[in-house]
N, C-alpha and C. Protein backbone atom coordinates (compact mmCIF):
# COMPACT_ATOMS: atom_id res chain seq x y z
N MET A 1 2.50 -16.32 1.13
CA MET A 1 1.44 -17.28 1.20
C MET A 1 2.03 -18.66 0.94
N THR A 2 1.58 -19.61 1.72
CA THR A 2 2.01 -20.99 1.51
C THR A 2 0.78 -21.83 1.17
N GLN A 3 1.02 -22.92 0.49
CA GLN A 3 -0.06 -23.85 0.15
C GLN A 3 0.24 -25.18 0.81
N ARG A 4 -0.82 -25.82 1.28
CA ARG A 4 -0.65 -27.09 1.96
C ARG A 4 -1.85 -27.97 1.66
N ARG A 5 -1.63 -29.24 1.50
CA ARG A 5 -2.72 -30.19 1.26
C ARG A 5 -3.07 -30.85 2.59
N ASP A 6 -4.36 -30.82 2.94
CA ASP A 6 -4.83 -31.38 4.21
C ASP A 6 -5.89 -32.45 3.99
N GLY A 7 -5.98 -33.34 4.96
CA GLY A 7 -7.07 -34.31 5.01
C GLY A 7 -7.03 -35.37 3.93
N PRO A 8 -7.96 -36.33 4.05
CA PRO A 8 -7.99 -37.45 3.12
C PRO A 8 -8.32 -37.04 1.69
N ASP A 9 -9.05 -35.94 1.50
CA ASP A 9 -9.39 -35.52 0.14
C ASP A 9 -8.28 -34.68 -0.49
N GLN A 10 -7.23 -34.41 0.29
CA GLN A 10 -6.08 -33.63 -0.19
C GLN A 10 -6.48 -32.26 -0.76
N SER A 11 -7.48 -31.61 -0.12
CA SER A 11 -7.89 -30.29 -0.59
C SER A 11 -6.77 -29.28 -0.33
N LEU A 12 -6.76 -28.25 -1.12
CA LEU A 12 -5.73 -27.23 -1.04
C LEU A 12 -6.17 -26.17 -0.04
N ARG A 13 -5.29 -25.84 0.90
CA ARG A 13 -5.58 -24.83 1.91
C ARG A 13 -4.55 -23.72 1.79
N MET A 14 -5.00 -22.48 1.70
CA MET A 14 -4.10 -21.34 1.56
C MET A 14 -3.85 -20.74 2.94
N LEU A 15 -2.60 -20.51 3.28
CA LEU A 15 -2.24 -19.88 4.55
C LEU A 15 -1.42 -18.62 4.28
N TRP A 16 -1.78 -17.53 4.91
CA TRP A 16 -1.09 -16.26 4.77
C TRP A 16 -0.07 -16.12 5.89
N PRO A 17 0.80 -15.14 5.82
CA PRO A 17 1.82 -14.95 6.86
C PRO A 17 1.21 -14.93 8.26
N GLY A 18 1.89 -15.54 9.20
CA GLY A 18 1.41 -15.60 10.57
C GLY A 18 0.31 -16.63 10.77
N GLY A 19 0.07 -17.49 9.77
CA GLY A 19 -0.94 -18.53 9.91
C GLY A 19 -2.36 -18.05 9.63
N ARG A 20 -2.52 -16.80 9.23
CA ARG A 20 -3.85 -16.28 8.95
C ARG A 20 -4.43 -16.98 7.73
N ILE A 21 -5.74 -17.14 7.75
CA ILE A 21 -6.39 -17.84 6.64
C ILE A 21 -7.02 -16.88 5.63
N ALA A 22 -6.93 -15.59 5.88
CA ALA A 22 -7.49 -14.62 4.95
C ALA A 22 -6.62 -13.36 4.94
N ALA A 23 -6.68 -12.65 3.86
CA ALA A 23 -5.94 -11.39 3.75
C ALA A 23 -6.67 -10.51 2.76
N ALA A 24 -6.45 -9.23 2.88
CA ALA A 24 -7.00 -8.26 1.92
C ALA A 24 -5.85 -7.44 1.37
N THR A 25 -6.01 -6.97 0.17
CA THR A 25 -5.00 -6.13 -0.45
C THR A 25 -5.57 -4.73 -0.63
N CYS A 26 -4.82 -3.75 -0.17
CA CYS A 26 -5.21 -2.35 -0.34
C CYS A 26 -4.14 -1.66 -1.16
N SER A 27 -4.56 -0.88 -2.14
CA SER A 27 -3.59 -0.10 -2.90
C SER A 27 -4.17 1.27 -3.23
N TRP A 28 -3.29 2.25 -3.29
CA TRP A 28 -3.67 3.62 -3.62
C TRP A 28 -2.73 4.13 -4.70
N ASP A 29 -3.23 5.06 -5.47
CA ASP A 29 -2.46 5.58 -6.59
C ASP A 29 -2.04 7.03 -6.43
N ASP A 30 -0.91 7.33 -7.00
CA ASP A 30 -0.42 8.65 -7.36
C ASP A 30 0.42 9.40 -6.34
N GLY A 31 0.24 9.25 -5.05
CA GLY A 31 1.08 9.97 -4.09
C GLY A 31 0.62 11.39 -3.83
N THR A 32 -0.70 11.60 -3.81
CA THR A 32 -1.21 12.93 -3.51
C THR A 32 -1.17 13.18 -2.00
N LEU A 33 -1.34 14.43 -1.61
CA LEU A 33 -1.27 14.77 -0.20
C LEU A 33 -2.30 14.05 0.65
N SER A 34 -3.39 13.57 0.05
CA SER A 34 -4.39 12.80 0.80
C SER A 34 -3.81 11.50 1.34
N ASP A 35 -2.68 11.06 0.77
CA ASP A 35 -2.02 9.85 1.29
C ASP A 35 -1.59 10.03 2.74
N ARG A 36 -1.27 11.26 3.14
CA ARG A 36 -0.85 11.50 4.53
C ARG A 36 -1.92 11.04 5.50
N ARG A 37 -3.16 11.40 5.24
CA ARG A 37 -4.26 10.99 6.10
C ARG A 37 -4.50 9.48 6.00
N MET A 38 -4.45 8.96 4.79
CA MET A 38 -4.68 7.52 4.59
C MET A 38 -3.63 6.70 5.33
N VAL A 39 -2.37 7.08 5.24
CA VAL A 39 -1.30 6.37 5.94
C VAL A 39 -1.54 6.43 7.45
N SER A 40 -1.95 7.57 7.95
CA SER A 40 -2.22 7.73 9.38
C SER A 40 -3.33 6.78 9.84
N VAL A 41 -4.39 6.71 9.08
CA VAL A 41 -5.52 5.82 9.43
C VAL A 41 -5.09 4.35 9.37
N LEU A 42 -4.40 3.98 8.31
CA LEU A 42 -3.93 2.60 8.19
C LEU A 42 -2.97 2.22 9.31
N ASN A 43 -2.03 3.10 9.62
CA ASN A 43 -1.09 2.84 10.70
C ASN A 43 -1.81 2.68 12.04
N HIS A 44 -2.80 3.51 12.29
CA HIS A 44 -3.56 3.45 13.53
C HIS A 44 -4.21 2.07 13.71
N HIS A 45 -4.63 1.48 12.62
CA HIS A 45 -5.31 0.18 12.67
C HIS A 45 -4.39 -1.00 12.37
N GLY A 46 -3.09 -0.74 12.19
CA GLY A 46 -2.13 -1.81 11.96
C GLY A 46 -2.29 -2.48 10.60
N ILE A 47 -2.71 -1.71 9.61
CA ILE A 47 -2.94 -2.25 8.27
C ILE A 47 -1.85 -1.74 7.33
N ALA A 48 -1.26 -2.63 6.57
CA ALA A 48 -0.26 -2.25 5.57
C ALA A 48 -0.92 -2.20 4.21
N ALA A 49 -0.46 -1.30 3.37
CA ALA A 49 -1.02 -1.14 2.03
C ALA A 49 0.11 -0.94 1.03
N THR A 50 -0.25 -0.91 -0.22
CA THR A 50 0.69 -0.61 -1.30
C THR A 50 0.28 0.72 -1.91
N PHE A 51 1.23 1.60 -2.05
CA PHE A 51 1.00 2.92 -2.64
C PHE A 51 1.80 3.00 -3.93
N PHE A 52 1.11 3.25 -5.04
CA PHE A 52 1.77 3.42 -6.33
C PHE A 52 1.88 4.91 -6.60
N LEU A 53 3.11 5.39 -6.66
CA LEU A 53 3.36 6.81 -6.82
C LEU A 53 3.63 7.17 -8.27
N ASN A 54 3.17 8.32 -8.66
CA ASN A 54 3.47 8.87 -9.97
C ASN A 54 4.74 9.69 -9.79
N SER A 55 5.88 9.07 -9.97
CA SER A 55 7.17 9.68 -9.63
C SER A 55 7.44 10.97 -10.41
N GLY A 56 6.86 11.11 -11.56
CA GLY A 56 7.05 12.32 -12.35
C GLY A 56 6.30 13.52 -11.80
N LYS A 57 5.41 13.28 -10.84
CA LYS A 57 4.61 14.38 -10.30
C LYS A 57 4.92 14.69 -8.84
N LEU A 58 5.85 13.97 -8.23
CA LEU A 58 6.17 14.21 -6.83
C LEU A 58 6.58 15.66 -6.63
N GLY A 59 6.01 16.29 -5.61
CA GLY A 59 6.32 17.67 -5.29
C GLY A 59 5.55 18.71 -6.07
N MET A 60 4.74 18.28 -7.04
CA MET A 60 3.97 19.24 -7.84
C MET A 60 2.75 19.75 -7.09
N SER A 61 2.40 21.00 -7.36
CA SER A 61 1.17 21.57 -6.82
C SER A 61 0.01 21.17 -7.73
N ALA A 62 -1.20 21.40 -7.26
CA ALA A 62 -2.38 21.11 -8.06
C ALA A 62 -2.36 21.92 -9.35
N LYS A 63 -1.88 23.14 -9.27
CA LYS A 63 -1.81 23.99 -10.45
C LYS A 63 -0.84 23.41 -11.48
N GLU A 64 0.31 22.94 -11.00
CA GLU A 64 1.32 22.37 -11.89
C GLU A 64 0.88 21.03 -12.49
N SER A 65 0.24 20.21 -11.67
CA SER A 65 -0.13 18.86 -12.12
C SER A 65 -1.45 18.82 -12.87
N GLY A 66 -2.28 19.83 -12.65
CA GLY A 66 -3.61 19.82 -13.26
C GLY A 66 -4.57 18.89 -12.54
N PHE A 67 -4.18 18.42 -11.35
CA PHE A 67 -5.03 17.48 -10.60
C PHE A 67 -5.04 17.83 -9.12
N ARG A 68 -4.01 17.42 -8.41
CA ARG A 68 -3.90 17.64 -6.96
C ARG A 68 -2.47 17.92 -6.58
N ASP A 69 -2.28 18.30 -5.31
CA ASP A 69 -0.93 18.46 -4.77
C ASP A 69 -0.36 17.08 -4.48
N TYR A 70 0.94 16.93 -4.75
CA TYR A 70 1.62 15.65 -4.55
C TYR A 70 2.65 15.76 -3.43
N VAL A 71 2.92 14.64 -2.75
CA VAL A 71 3.95 14.62 -1.71
C VAL A 71 5.31 14.89 -2.36
N ASP A 72 6.22 15.45 -1.57
CA ASP A 72 7.58 15.71 -2.04
C ASP A 72 8.38 14.42 -2.06
N SER A 73 9.33 14.32 -2.95
CA SER A 73 10.15 13.11 -3.04
C SER A 73 10.93 12.85 -1.76
N ASP A 74 11.33 13.90 -1.04
CA ASP A 74 12.07 13.70 0.21
C ASP A 74 11.16 13.22 1.35
N GLU A 75 9.87 13.26 1.17
CA GLU A 75 8.92 12.79 2.18
C GLU A 75 8.56 11.32 2.01
N VAL A 76 8.79 10.78 0.84
CA VAL A 76 8.34 9.42 0.51
C VAL A 76 8.86 8.37 1.49
N ALA A 77 10.16 8.32 1.72
CA ALA A 77 10.74 7.30 2.60
C ALA A 77 10.18 7.39 4.02
N ARG A 78 9.93 8.57 4.48
CA ARG A 78 9.43 8.79 5.84
C ARG A 78 7.93 8.48 5.95
N LEU A 79 7.15 8.92 4.97
CA LEU A 79 5.69 8.78 5.02
C LEU A 79 5.23 7.34 4.92
N TYR A 80 5.83 6.58 4.03
CA TYR A 80 5.34 5.25 3.72
C TYR A 80 6.04 4.11 4.47
N VAL A 81 6.68 4.41 5.59
CA VAL A 81 7.35 3.37 6.39
C VAL A 81 6.34 2.30 6.77
N GLY A 82 6.68 1.03 6.54
CA GLY A 82 5.81 -0.08 6.87
C GLY A 82 4.85 -0.47 5.77
N HIS A 83 4.87 0.26 4.66
CA HIS A 83 4.00 -0.01 3.52
C HIS A 83 4.88 -0.30 2.30
N GLU A 84 4.28 -0.87 1.29
CA GLU A 84 5.00 -1.08 0.03
C GLU A 84 4.80 0.14 -0.85
N VAL A 85 5.82 0.48 -1.60
CA VAL A 85 5.74 1.61 -2.53
C VAL A 85 6.16 1.12 -3.91
N GLY A 86 5.36 1.46 -4.89
CA GLY A 86 5.66 1.16 -6.28
C GLY A 86 5.59 2.45 -7.08
N ALA A 87 6.01 2.40 -8.30
CA ALA A 87 5.93 3.58 -9.17
C ALA A 87 5.25 3.20 -10.47
N HIS A 88 4.56 4.18 -11.01
CA HIS A 88 3.96 3.98 -12.34
C HIS A 88 3.98 5.27 -13.11
C-alpha cells in the first residue's frame, strides 16, 4: 500500500497494489482439510488469502487432534501456492 497526498486540501489517499483503491483481507486458521475446498474456491475467483496453520497438528486425524483432520505437512507447499501461510 502506498500513501499519497492529492489536491489543494492535501487529503491522504490510500492506494493498494495495481492502483486499486480498496482491498479486503481474508484469513483462515488451523490447516484443516476444509482448506482444500476453500483454496479451490479462492483460486477460481482469483482471490489470495492468508492461512494460519497449527503446525503441531499437521497430518493429524480428527481422532488424534480432538477436532478435525489436518492437511499433511508435505501438502502445505503445494496446496497454498499463491497464498500467504503463517503458523501459530
